[in-house]
Amino acid sequence: MTNTFEGFDNRLKKIDRNRTRLVNGYSAKVSKDGLIVFRPKRRTNSFSVRGLLMLVLGFFLFKGMIMAHLGGTIYDQRVEALKAGTVIEQGGAYLMQRDPITEAIAIKLRPFLG
């Protein structure tokens, strides 16, 4: 007698688990026998390597465009002025300092800005 109740409870737990998985979205597919089967959508990762790479590339493009627009000497003077500022400005100066990637981008962008 207890075996049937345990089996029934197990089936109810399985139904509840499937229902909670389907709350975040699902896709419906028709199986070979014509039964419609709902499967939960896969959860996407919150961290995207591609997104991070695009952010870094955008930052270097931003730095290169500023350097191409201002020129190398004025750009360096402004970064030096940031180094004398507050802690946040010093952090910005560290990020904005000249590097080979930024210089290469600035050289490529200079004809378009001038």
PDB file of N, CA and C in Angstrom:
ATOM      1  N   MET A   1       0.821  -1.188   0.000  1.00  0.00           N
ATOM      2  CA  MET A   1       0.000   0.000   0.000  1.00  0.00           C
ATOM      3  C   MET A   1       0.871   1.260   0.000  1.00  0.00           C
ATOM      4  N   THR A   2       1.967   1.280   0.782  1.00  0.00           N
ATOM      5  CA  THR A   2       2.814   2.465   0.829  1.00  0.00           C
ATOM      6  C   THR A   2       3.578   2.647  -0.475  1.00  0.00           C
ATOM      7  N   ASN A   3       3.812   1.582  -1.205  1.00  0.00           N
ATOM      8  CA  ASN A   3       4.541   1.661  -2.466  1.00  0.00           C
ATOM      9  C   ASN A   3       3.790   2.519  -3.474  1.00  0.00           C
ATOM     10  N   THR A   4       2.480   2.394  -3.550  1.00  0.00           N
ATOM     11  CA  THR A   4       1.716   3.185  -4.514  1.00  0.00           C
ATOM     12  C   THR A   4       1.706   4.652  -4.124  1.00  0.00           C
ATOM     13  N   PHE A   5       1.629   4.943  -2.815  1.00  0.00           N
ATOM     14  CA  PHE A   5       1.658   6.339  -2.387  1.00  0.00           C
ATOM     15  C   PHE A   5       3.023   6.966  -2.636  1.00  0.00           C
ATOM     16  N   GLU A   6       4.088   6.190  -2.425  1.00  0.00           N
ATOM     17  CA  GLU A   6       5.431   6.719  -2.695  1.00  0.00           C
ATOM     18  C   GLU A   6       5.619   6.979  -4.189  1.00  0.00           C
ATOM     19  N   GLY A   7       5.123   6.093  -5.011  1.00  0.00           N
ATOM     20  CA  GLY A   7       5.212   6.290  -6.450  1.00  0.00           C
ATOM     21  C   GLY A   7       4.429   7.515  -6.896  1.00  0.00           C
ATOM     22  N   PHE A   8       3.240   7.685  -6.289  1.00  0.00           N
ATOM     23  CA  PHE A   8       2.425   8.848  -6.612  1.00  0.00           C
ATOM     24  C   PHE A   8       3.120  10.134  -6.176  1.00  0.00           C
ATOM     25  N   ASP A   9       3.698  10.139  -4.978  1.00  0.00           N
ATOM     26  CA  ASP A   9       4.426  11.314  -4.491  1.00  0.00           C
ATOM     27  C   ASP A   9       5.632  11.621  -5.376  1.00  0.00           C
ATOM     28  N   ASN A  10       6.333  10.594  -5.804  1.00  0.00           N
ATOM     29  CA  ASN A  10       7.476  10.801  -6.691  1.00  0.00           C
ATOM     30  C   ASN A  10       7.050  11.408  -8.024  1.00  0.00           C
ATOM     31  N   ARG A  11       5.925  10.941  -8.572  1.00  0.00           N
ATOM     32  CA  ARG A  11       5.428  11.522  -9.815  1.00  0.00           C
ATOM     33  C   ARG A  11       5.027  12.982  -9.627  1.00  0.00           C
ATOM     34  N   LEU A  12       4.401  13.308  -8.502  1.00  0.00           N
ATOM     35  CA  LEU A  12       4.029  14.699  -8.222  1.00  0.00           C
ATOM     36  C   LEU A  12       5.274  15.590  -8.084  1.00  0.00           C
ATOM     37  N   LYS A  13       6.308  15.093  -7.427  1.00  0.00           N
ATOM     38  CA  LYS A  13       7.547  15.862  -7.294  1.00  0.00           C
ATOM     39  C   LYS A  13       8.185  16.111  -8.658  1.00  0.00           C
ATOM     40  N   LYS A  14       8.146  15.100  -9.514  1.00  0.00           N
ATOM     41  CA  LYS A  14       8.711  15.247 -10.859  1.00  0.00           C
ATOM     42  C   LYS A  14       7.927  16.279 -11.669  1.00  0.00           C
ATOM     43  N   ILE A  15       6.610  16.265 -11.553  1.00  0.00           N
ATOM     44  CA  ILE A  15       5.775  17.247 -12.250  1.00  0.00           C
ATOM     45  C   ILE A  15       6.087  18.656 -11.747  1.00  0.00           C
ATOM     46  N   ASP A  16       6.222  18.821 -10.434  1.00  0.00           N
ATOM     47  CA  ASP A  16       6.549  20.135  -9.869  1.00  0.00           C
ATOM     48  C   ASP A  16       7.924  20.620 -10.334  1.00  0.00           C
ATOM     49  N   ARG A  17       8.903  19.722 -10.367  1.00  0.00           N
ATOM     50  CA  ARG A  17      10.247  20.090 -10.843  1.00  0.00           C
ATOM     51  C   ARG A  17      10.199  20.560 -12.293  1.00  0.00           C
ATOM     52  N   ASN A  18       9.486  19.815 -13.138  1.00  0.00           N
ATOM     53  CA  ASN A  18       9.371  20.196 -14.547  1.00  0.00           C
ATOM     54  C   ASN A  18       8.643  21.527 -14.700  1.00  0.00           C
ATOM     55  N   ARG A  19       7.611  21.752 -13.904  1.00  0.00           N
ATOM     56  CA  ARG A  19       6.855  22.995 -13.990  1.00  0.00           C
ATOM     57  C   ARG A  19       7.718  24.191 -13.586  1.00  0.00           C
ATOM     58  N   THR A  20       8.547  24.036 -12.560  1.00  0.00           N
ATOM     59  CA  THR A  20       9.406  25.157 -12.147  1.00  0.00           C
ATOM     60  C   THR A  20      10.487  25.420 -13.186  1.00  0.00           C
ATOM     61  N   ARG A  21      10.946  24.416 -13.873  1.00  0.00           N
ATOM     62  CA  ARG A  21      11.934  24.624 -14.942  1.00  0.00           C
ATOM     63  C   ARG A  21      11.324  25.359 -16.132  1.00  0.00           C
ATOM     64  N   LEU A  22      10.054  25.094 -16.406  1.00  0.00           N
ATOM     65  CA  LEU A  22       9.396  25.695 -17.561  1.00  0.00           C
ATOM     66  C   LEU A  22       8.994  27.151 -17.314  1.00  0.00           C
ATOM     67  N   VAL A  23       9.042  27.612 -16.073  1.00  0.00           N
ATOM     68  CA  VAL A  23       8.647  28.984 -15.762  1.00  0.00           C
ATOM     69  C   VAL A  23       9.544  29.989 -16.477  1.00  0.00           C
ATOM     70  N   ASN A  24      10.823  29.698 -16.635  1.00  0.00           N
ATOM     71  CA  ASN A  24      11.780  30.615 -17.247  1.00  0.00           C
ATOM     72  C   ASN A  24      11.772  30.569 -18.770  1.00  0.00           C
ATOM     73  N   GLY A  25      10.831  29.887 -19.348  1.00  0.00           N
ATOM     74  CA  GLY A  25      10.742  29.793 -20.797  1.00  0.00           C
ATOM     75  C   GLY A  25      10.868  28.354 -21.253  1.00  0.00           C
ATOM     76  N   TYR A  26      10.258  28.078 -22.371  1.00  0.00           N
ATOM     77  CA  TYR A  26      10.282  26.718 -22.881  1.00  0.00           C
ATOM     78  C   TYR A  26      10.159  26.727 -24.390  1.00  0.00           C
ATOM     79  N   SER A  27      10.487  25.614 -24.992  1.00  0.00           N
ATOM     80  CA  SER A  27      10.277  25.421 -26.420  1.00  0.00           C
ATOM     81  C   SER A  27       9.454  24.149 -26.595  1.00  0.00           C
ATOM     82  N   ALA A  28       8.535  24.185 -27.533  1.00  0.00           N
ATOM     83  CA  ALA A  28       7.662  23.041 -27.781  1.00  0.00           C
ATOM     84  C   ALA A  28       8.103  22.350 -29.062  1.00  0.00           C
ATOM     85  N   LYS A  29       8.204  21.049 -29.005  1.00  0.00           N
ATOM     86  CA  LYS A  29       8.555  20.254 -30.177  1.00  0.00           C
ATOM     87  C   LYS A  29       7.582  19.085 -30.275  1.00  0.00           C
ATOM     88  N   VAL A  30       7.326  18.693 -31.492  1.00  0.00           N
ATOM     89  CA  VAL A  30       6.464  17.538 -31.727  1.00  0.00           C
ATOM     90  C   VAL A  30       7.358  16.331 -31.925  1.00  0.00           C
ATOM     91  N   SER A  31       7.156  15.299 -31.126  1.00  0.00           N
ATOM     92  CA  SER A  31       7.976  14.097 -31.239  1.00  0.00           C
ATOM     93  C   SER A  31       7.488  13.239 -32.409  1.00  0.00           C
ATOM     94  N   LYS A  32       8.193  12.164 -32.668  1.00  0.00           N
ATOM     95  CA  LYS A  32       7.874  11.296 -33.813  1.00  0.00           C
ATOM     96  C   LYS A  32       6.473  10.696 -33.715  1.00  0.00           C
ATOM     97  N   ASP A  33       6.016  10.471 -32.501  1.00  0.00           N
ATOM     98  CA  ASP A  33       4.700   9.865 -32.346  1.00  0.00           C
ATOM     99  C   ASP A  33       3.573  10.904 -32.266  1.00  0.00           C
ATOM    100  N   GLY A  34       3.896  12.186 -32.487  1.00  0.00           N
ATOM    101  CA  GLY A  34       2.876  13.232 -32.520  1.00  0.00           C
ATOM    102  C   GLY A  34       2.620  13.891 -31.179  1.00  0.00           C
ATOM    103  N   LEU A  35       3.354  13.493 -30.151  1.00  0.00           N
ATOM    104  CA  LEU A  35       3.187  14.075 -28.823  1.00  0.00           C
ATOM    105  C   LEU A  35       3.947  15.399 -28.743  1.00  0.00           C
ATOM    106  N   ILE A  36       3.312  16.424 -28.218  1.00  0.00           N
ATOM    107  CA  ILE A  36       3.973  17.710 -28.050  1.00  0.00           C
ATOM    108  C   ILE A  36       4.738  17.682 -26.735  1.00  0.00           C
ATOM    109  N   VAL A  37       6.046  17.915 -26.824  1.00  0.00           N
ATOM    110  CA  VAL A  37       6.921  17.853 -25.649  1.00  0.00           C
ATOM    111  C   VAL A  37       7.479  19.247 -25.389  1.00  0.00           C
ATOM    112  N   PHE A  38       7.320  19.722 -24.175  1.00  0.00           N
ATOM    113  CA  PHE A  38       7.838  21.029 -23.776  1.00  0.00           C
ATOM    114  C   PHE A  38       9.149  20.833 -23.042  1.00  0.00           C
ATOM    115  N   ARG A  39      10.165  21.540 -23.484  1.00  0.00           N
ATOM    116  CA  ARG A  39      11.480  21.450 -22.858  1.00  0.00           C
ATOM    117  C   ARG A  39      11.875  22.839 -22.371  1.00  0.00           C
ATOM    118  N   PRO A  40      12.494  22.925 -21.202  1.00  0.00           N
ATOM    119  CA  PRO A  40      12.918  24.245 -20.722  1.00  0.00           C
ATOM    120  C   PRO A  40      14.036  24.805 -21.582  1.00  0.00           C
ATOM    121  N   LYS A  41      14.003  26.135 -21.778  1.00  0.00           N
ATOM    122  CA  LYS A  41      15.076  26.774 -22.523  1.00  0.00           C
ATOM    123  C   LYS A  41      16.337  26.733 -21.691  1.00  0.00           C
ATOM    124  N   ARG A  42      17.450  26.610 -22.373  1.00  0.00           N
ATOM    125  CA  ARG A  42      18.727  26.576 -21.674  1.00  0.00           C
ATOM    126  C   ARG A  42      19.026  27.946 -21.121  1.00  0.00           C
ATOM    127  N   ARG A  43      19.553  27.959 -19.950  1.00  0.00           N
ATOM    128  CA  ARG A  43      19.912  29.214 -19.312  1.00  0.00           C
ATOM    129  C   ARG A  43      21.179  29.745 -19.939  1.00  0.00           C
ATOM    130  N   THR A  44      21.177  31.012 -20.276  1.00  0.00           N
ATOM    131  CA  THR A  44      22.377  31.615 -20.841  1.00  0.00           C
ATOM    132  C   THR A  44      23.270  32.092 -19.709  1.00  0.00           C
ATOM    133  N   ASN A  45      24.550  32.062 -19.966  1.00  0.00           N
ATOM    134  CA  ASN A  45      25.491  32.539 -18.961  1.00  0.00           C
ATOM    135  C   ASN A  45      25.395  34.050 -18.855  1.00  0.00           C
ATOM    136  N   SER A  46      25.527  34.557 -17.650  1.00  0.00           N
ATOM    137  CA  SER A  46      25.473  36.003 -17.475  1.00  0.00           C
ATOM    138  C   SER A  46      26.793  36.642 -17.906  1.00  0.00           C
ATOM    139  N   PHE A  47      27.864  35.881 -17.973  1.00  0.00           N
ATOM    140  CA  PHE A  47      29.162  36.395 -18.374  1.00  0.00           C
ATOM    141  C   PHE A  47      29.425  35.972 -19.808  1.00  0.00           C
ATOM    142  N   SER A  48      29.664  36.942 -20.656  1.00  0.00           N
ATOM    143  CA  SER A  48      29.904  36.661 -22.059  1.00  0.00           C
ATOM    144  C   SER A  48      31.327  37.081 -22.424  1.00  0.00           C
ATOM    145  N   VAL A  49      32.118  36.144 -22.894  1.00  0.00           N
ATOM    146  CA  VAL A  49      33.488  36.447 -23.308  1.00  0.00           C
ATOM    147  C   VAL A  49      33.460  37.371 -24.521  1.00  0.00           C
ATOM    148  N   ARG A  50      32.543  37.121 -25.421  1.00  0.00           N
ATOM    149  CA  ARG A  50      32.425  37.962 -26.606  1.00  0.00           C
ATOM    150  C   ARG A  50      32.070  39.400 -26.219  1.00  0.00           C
ATOM    151  N   GLY A  51      31.163  39.557 -25.281  1.00  0.00           N
ATOM    152  CA  GLY A  51      30.799  40.886 -24.818  1.00  0.00           C
ATOM    153  C   GLY A  51      31.963  41.604 -24.166  1.00  0.00           C
ATOM    154  N   LEU A  52      32.746  40.862 -23.386  1.00  0.00           N
ATOM    155  CA  LEU A  52      33.919  41.454 -22.742  1.00  0.00           C
ATOM    156  C   LEU A  52      34.943  41.897 -23.785  1.00  0.00           C
ATOM    157  N   LEU A  53      35.166  41.073 -24.805  1.00  0.00           N
ATOM    158  CA  LEU A  53      36.101  41.444 -25.866  1.00  0.00           C
ATOM    159  C   LEU A  53      35.623  42.667 -26.638  1.00  0.00           C
ATOM    160  N   MET A  54      34.327  42.760 -26.882  1.00  0.00           N
ATOM    161  CA  MET A  54      33.788  43.935 -27.568  1.00  0.00           C
ATOM    162  C   MET A  54      33.955  45.192 -26.713  1.00  0.00           C
ATOM    163  N   LEU A  55      33.803  45.064 -25.408  1.00  0.00           N
ATOM    164  CA  LEU A  55      33.988  46.195 -24.513  1.00  0.00           C
ATOM    165  C   LEU A  55      35.437  46.675 -24.531  1.00  0.00           C
ATOM    166  N   VAL A  56      36.377  45.746 -24.484  1.00  0.00           N
ATOM    167  CA  VAL A  56      37.804  46.110 -24.519  1.00  0.00           C
ATOM    168  C   VAL A  56      38.158  46.733 -25.858  1.00  0.00           C
ATOM    169  N   LEU A  57      37.659  46.166 -26.950  1.00  0.00           N
ATOM    170  CA  LEU A  57      37.913  46.724 -28.277  1.00  0.00           C
ATOM    171  C   LEU A  57      37.336  48.138 -28.392  1.00  0.00           C
ATOM    172  N   GLY A  58      36.135  48.335 -27.881  1.00  0.00           N
ATOM    173  CA  GLY A  58      35.524  49.656 -27.902  1.00  0.00           C
ATOM    174  C   GLY A  58      36.318  50.668 -27.097  1.00  0.00           C
ATOM    175  N   PHE A  59      36.871  50.230 -25.966  1.00  0.00           N
ATOM    176  CA  PHE A  59      37.680  51.119 -25.148  1.00  0.00           C
ATOM    177  C   PHE A  59      38.945  51.548 -25.897  1.00  0.00           C
ATOM    178  N   PHE A  60      39.608  50.594 -26.558  1.00  0.00           N
ATOM    179  CA  PHE A  60      40.806  50.941 -27.325  1.00  0.00           C
ATOM    180  C   PHE A  60      40.463  51.844 -28.512  1.00  0.00           C
ATOM    181  N   LEU A  61      39.325  51.612 -29.155  1.00  0.00           N
ATOM    182  CA  LEU A  61      38.907  52.492 -30.241  1.00  0.00           C
ATOM    183  C   LEU A  61      38.636  53.905 -29.724  1.00  0.00           C
ATOM    184  N   PHE A  62      38.022  53.995 -28.553  1.00  0.00           N
ATOM    185  CA  PHE A  62      37.760  55.290 -27.934  1.00  0.00           C
ATOM    186  C   PHE A  62      39.065  56.026 -27.644  1.00  0.00           C
ATOM    187  N   LYS A  63      40.016  55.319 -27.048  1.00  0.00           N
ATOM    188  CA  LYS A  63      41.312  55.936 -26.755  1.00  0.00           C
ATOM    189  C   LYS A  63      42.022  56.355 -28.040  1.00  0.00           C
ATOM    190  N   GLY A  64      41.973  55.503 -29.052  1.00  0.00           N
ATOM    191  CA  GLY A  64      42.619  55.818 -30.324  1.00  0.00           C
ATOM    192  C   GLY A  64      41.992  57.022 -31.000  1.00  0.00           C
ATOM    193  N   MET A  65      40.675  57.145 -30.908  1.00  0.00           N
ATOM    194  CA  MET A  65      40.017  58.287 -31.523  1.00  0.00           C
ATOM    195  C   MET A  65      40.379  59.581 -30.798  1.00  0.00           C
ATOM    196  N   ILE A  66      40.453  59.539 -29.486  1.00  0.00           N
ATOM    197  CA  ILE A  66      40.858  60.737 -28.744  1.00  0.00           C
ATOM    198  C   ILE A  66      42.298  61.111 -29.095  1.00  0.00           C
ATOM    199  N   MET A  67      43.175  60.117 -29.152  1.00  0.00           N
ATOM    200  CA  MET A  67      44.578  60.401 -29.473  1.00  0.00           C
ATOM    201  C   MET A  67      44.716  60.941 -30.894  1.00  0.00           C
ATOM    202  N   ALA A  68      43.955  60.408 -31.834  1.00  0.00           N
ATOM    203  CA  ALA A  68      44.025  60.883 -33.212  1.00  0.00           C
ATOM    204  C   ALA A  68      43.491  62.307 -33.315  1.00  0.00           C
ATOM    205  N   HIS A  69      42.466  62.614 -32.540  1.00  0.00           N
ATOM    206  CA  HIS A  69      41.872  63.941 -32.595  1.00  0.00           C
ATOM    207  C   HIS A  69      42.768  65.002 -31.943  1.00  0.00           C
ATOM    208  N   LEU A  70      43.330  64.690 -30.770  1.00  0.00           N
ATOM    209  CA  LEU A  70      44.140  65.665 -30.039  1.00  0.00           C
ATOM    210  C   LEU A  70      45.583  65.727 -30.513  1.00  0.00           C
ATOM    211  N   GLY A  71      46.107  64.624 -30.962  1.00  0.00           N
ATOM    212  CA  GLY A  71      47.530  64.533 -31.267  1.00  0.00           C
ATOM    213  C   GLY A  71      48.254  63.954 -30.065  1.00  0.00           C
ATOM    214  N   GLY A  72      49.424  63.394 -30.327  1.00  0.00           N
ATOM    215  CA  GLY A  72      50.155  62.672 -29.281  1.00  0.00           C
ATOM    216  C   GLY A  72      50.629  63.534 -28.132  1.00  0.00           C
ATOM    217  N   THR A  73      51.141  64.740 -28.400  1.00  0.00           N
ATOM    218  CA  THR A  73      51.694  65.571 -27.318  1.00  0.00           C
ATOM    219  C   THR A  73      50.594  66.108 -26.413  1.00  0.00           C
ATOM    220  N   ILE A  74      49.513  66.604 -26.985  1.00  0.00           N
ATOM    221  CA  ILE A  74      48.421  67.120 -26.161  1.00  0.00           C
ATOM    222  C   ILE A  74      47.777  65.988 -25.362  1.00  0.00           C
ATOM    223  N   TYR A  75      47.645  64.821 -25.987  1.00  0.00           N
ATOM    224  CA  TYR A  75      47.078  63.664 -25.297  1.00  0.00           C
ATOM    225  C   TYR A  75      47.930  63.323 -24.077  1.00  0.00           C
ATOM    226  N   ASP A  76      49.267  63.294 -24.264  1.00  0.00           N
ATOM    227  CA  ASP A  76      50.155  62.982 -23.143  1.00  0.00           C
ATOM    228  C   ASP A  76      50.072  64.054 -22.054  1.00  0.00           C
ATOM    229  N   GLN A  77      49.937  65.324 -22.435  1.00  0.00           N
ATOM    230  CA  GLN A  77      49.807  66.385 -21.441  1.00  0.00           C
ATOM    231  C   GLN A  77      48.535  66.220 -20.616  1.00  0.00           C
ATOM    232  N   ARG A  78      47.459  65.849 -21.250  1.00  0.00           N
ATOM    233  CA  ARG A  78      46.201  65.661 -20.521  1.00  0.00           C
ATOM    234  C   ARG A  78      46.256  64.453 -19.590  1.00  0.00           C
ATOM    235  N   VAL A  79      46.932  63.407 -20.037  1.00  0.00           N
ATOM    236  CA  VAL A  79      47.089  62.238 -19.162  1.00  0.00           C
ATOM    237  C   VAL A  79      47.965  62.598 -17.960  1.00  0.00           C
ATOM    238  N   GLU A  80      49.009  63.385 -18.183  1.00  0.00           N
ATOM    239  CA  GLU A  80      49.851  63.837 -17.070  1.00  0.00           C
ATOM    240  C   GLU A  80      49.053  64.705 -16.104  1.00  0.00           C
ATOM    241  N   ALA A  81      48.155  65.531 -16.614  1.00  0.00           N
ATOM    242  CA  ALA A  81      47.309  66.350 -15.734  1.00  0.00           C
ATOM    243  C   ALA A  81      46.397  65.466 -14.891  1.00  0.00           C
ATOM    244  N   LEU A  82      45.924  64.381 -15.467  1.00  0.00           N
ATOM    245  CA  LEU A  82      45.098  63.454 -14.695  1.00  0.00           C
ATOM    246  C   LEU A  82      45.888  62.769 -13.589  1.00  0.00           C
ATOM    247  N   LYS A  83      47.158  62.502 -13.827  1.00  0.00           N
ATOM    248  CA  LYS A  83      47.991  61.833 -12.820  1.00  0.00           C
ATOM    249  C   LYS A  83      48.150  62.681 -11.568  1.00  0.00           C
ATOM    250  N   ALA A  84      48.000  64.001 -11.687  1.00  0.00           N
ATOM    251  CA  ALA A  84      48.145  64.888 -10.540  1.00  0.00           C
ATOM    252  C   ALA A  84      46.833  65.085  -9.796  1.00  0.00           C
ATOM    253  N   GLY A  85      45.764  64.458 -10.226  1.00  0.00           N
ATOM    254  CA  GLY A  85      44.453  64.676  -9.636  1.00  0.00           C
ATOM    255  C   GLY A  85      44.133  63.718  -8.505  1.00  0.00           C
ATOM    256  N   THR A  86      42.841  63.511  -8.295  1.00  0.00           N
ATOM    257  CA  THR A  86      42.359  62.630  -7.228  1.00  0.00           C
ATOM    258  C   THR A  86      42.676  61.172  -7.562  1.00  0.00           C
ATOM    259  N   VAL A  87      42.305  60.302  -6.652  1.00  0.00           N
ATOM    260  CA  VAL A  87      42.573  58.868  -6.838  1.00  0.00           C
ATOM    261  C   VAL A  87      41.830  58.344  -8.069  1.00  0.00           C
ATOM    262  N   ILE A  88      40.617  58.796  -8.266  1.00  0.00           N
ATOM    263  CA  ILE A  88      39.836  58.347  -9.426  1.00  0.00           C
ATOM    264  C   ILE A  88      40.480  58.851 -10.712  1.00  0.00           C
ATOM    265  N   GLU A  89      40.932  60.107 -10.700  1.00  0.00           N
ATOM    266  CA  GLU A  89      41.600  60.648 -11.888  1.00  0.00           C
ATOM    267  C   GLU A  89      42.915  59.925 -12.156  1.00  0.00           C
ATOM    268  N   GLN A  90      43.617  59.537 -11.107  1.00  0.00           N
ATOM    269  CA  GLN A  90      44.859  58.779 -11.285  1.00  0.00           C
ATOM    270  C   GLN A  90      44.573  57.411 -11.894  1.00  0.00           C
ATOM    271  N   GLY A  91      43.471  56.798 -11.464  1.00  0.00           N
ATOM    272  CA  GLY A  91      43.070  55.524 -12.076  1.00  0.00           C
ATOM    273  C   GLY A  91      42.724  55.701 -13.543  1.00  0.00           C
ATOM    274  N   GLY A  92      42.028  56.799 -13.873  1.00  0.00           N
ATOM    275  CA  GLY A  92      41.722  57.095 -15.266  1.00  0.00           C
ATOM    276  C   GLY A  92      42.982  57.343 -16.074  1.00  0.00           C
ATOM    277  N   ALA A  93      43.972  58.024 -15.448  1.00  0.00           N
ATOM    278  CA  ALA A  93      45.241  58.270 -16.143  1.00  0.00           C
ATOM    279  C   ALA A  93      45.962  56.961 -16.427  1.00  0.00           C
ATOM    280  N   TYR A  94      45.885  56.030 -15.489  1.00  0.00           N
ATOM    281  CA  TYR A  94      46.524  54.731 -15.707  1.00  0.00           C
ATOM    282  C   TYR A  94      45.876  54.012 -16.889  1.00  0.00           C
ATOM    283  N   LEU A  95      44.545  54.057 -16.968  1.00  0.00           N
ATOM    284  CA  LEU A  95      43.847  53.386 -18.065  1.00  0.00           C
ATOM    285  C   LEU A  95      44.051  54.093 -19.403  1.00  0.00           C
ATOM    286  N   MET A  96      44.184  55.419 -19.354  1.00  0.00           N
ATOM    287  CA  MET A  96      44.267  56.196 -20.593  1.00  0.00           C
ATOM    288  C   MET A  96      45.692  56.410 -21.086  1.00  0.00           C
ATOM    289  N   GLN A  97      46.690  55.887 -20.391  1.00  0.00           N
ATOM    290  CA  GLN A  97      48.060  56.120 -20.842  1.00  0.00           C
ATOM    291  C   GLN A  97      48.312  55.487 -22.207  1.00  0.00           C
ATOM    292  N   ARG A  98      49.306  56.001 -22.868  1.00  0.00           N
ATOM    293  CA  ARG A  98      49.635  55.587 -24.230  1.00  0.00           C
ATOM    294  C   ARG A  98      50.102  54.130 -24.256  1.00  0.00           C
ATOM    295  N   ASP A  99      49.640  53.391 -25.265  1.00  0.00           N
ATOM    296  CA  ASP A  99      50.087  52.013 -25.478  1.00  0.00           C
ATOM    297  C   ASP A  99      50.155  51.758 -26.982  1.00  0.00           C
ATOM    298  N   PRO A 100      50.833  50.689 -27.404  1.00  0.00           N
ATOM    299  CA  PRO A 100      51.014  50.432 -28.839  1.00  0.00           C
ATOM    300  C   PRO A 100      49.699  50.228 -29.604  1.00  0.00           C
ATOM    301  N   ILE A 101      48.720  49.603 -28.968  1.00  0.00           N
ATOM    302  CA  ILE A 101      47.448  49.360 -29.657  1.00  0.00           C
ATOM    303  C   ILE A 101      46.747  50.684 -29.938  1.00  0.00           C
ATOM    304  N   THR A 102      46.733  51.566 -28.937  1.00  0.00           N
ATOM    305  CA  THR A 102      46.090  52.866 -29.106  1.00  0.00           C
ATOM    306  C   THR A 102      46.796  53.693 -30.167  1.00  0.00           C
ATOM    307  N   GLU A 103      48.120  53.655 -30.173  1.00  0.00           N
ATOM    308  CA  GLU A 103      48.877  54.403 -31.173  1.00  0.00           C
ATOM    309  C   GLU A 103      48.580  53.897 -32.588  1.00  0.00           C
ATOM    310  N   ALA A 104      48.491  52.581 -32.745  1.00  0.00           N
ATOM    311  CA  ALA A 104      48.202  52.011 -34.069  1.00  0.00           C
ATOM    312  C   ALA A 104      46.805  52.417 -34.533  1.00  0.00           C
ATOM    313  N   ILE A 105      45.845  52.412 -33.633  1.00  0.00           N
ATOM    314  CA  ILE A 105      44.484  52.818 -33.986  1.00  0.00           C
ATOM    315  C   ILE A 105      44.455  54.303 -34.330  1.00  0.00           C
ATOM    316  N   ALA A 106      45.188  55.113 -33.566  1.00  0.00           N
ATOM    317  CA  ALA A 106      45.222  56.553 -33.822  1.00  0.00           C
ATOM    318  C   ALA A 106      45.832  56.866 -35.183  1.00  0.00           C
ATOM    319  N   ILE A 107      46.872  56.126 -35.544  1.00  0.00           N
ATOM    320  CA  ILE A 107      47.505  56.332 -36.854  1.00  0.00           C
ATOM    321  C   ILE A 107      46.515  56.007 -37.976  1.00  0.00           C
ATOM    322  N   LYS A 108      45.724  54.938 -37.792  1.00  0.00           N
ATOM    323  CA  LYS A 108      44.742  54.558 -38.823  1.00  0.00           C
ATOM    324  C   LYS A 108      43.575  55.555 -38.896  1.00  0.00           C
ATOM    325  N   LEU A 109      43.184  56.133 -37.762  1.00  0.00           N
ATOM    326  CA  LEU A 109      42.042  57.043 -37.731  1.00  0.00           C
ATOM    327  C   LEU A 109      42.387  58.482 -38.071  1.00  0.00           C
ATOM    328  N   ARG A 110      43.654  58.849 -37.975  1.00  0.00           N
ATOM    329  CA  ARG A 110      44.068  60.247 -38.175  1.00  0.00           C
ATOM    330  C   ARG A 110      43.636  60.815 -39.525  1.00  0.00           C
ATOM    331  N   PRO A 111      43.747  60.106 -40.646  1.00  0.00           N
ATOM    332  CA  PRO A 111      43.313  60.687 -41.930  1.00  0.00           C
ATOM    333  C   PRO A 111      41.816  61.001 -41.991  1.00  0.00           C
ATOM    334  N   PHE A 112      41.015  60.252 -41.233  1.00  0.00           N
ATOM    335  CA  PHE A 112      39.565  60.450 -41.277  1.00  0.00           C
ATOM    336  C   PHE A 112      39.118  61.624 -40.416  1.00  0.00           C
ATOM    337  N   LEU A 113      39.919  62.007 -39.420  1.00  0.00           N
ATOM    338  CA  LEU A 113      39.535  63.086 -38.519  1.00  0.00           C
ATOM    339  C   LEU A 113      40.078  64.445 -38.925  1.00  0.00           C
ATOM    340  N   GLY A 114      40.997  64.493 -39.809  1.00  0.00           N
ATOM    341  CA  GLY A 114      41.663  65.742 -40.041  1.00  0.00           C
ATOM    342  C   GLY A 114      41.389  66.475 -41.254  1.00  0.00           C
TER     343      GLY A 114
END
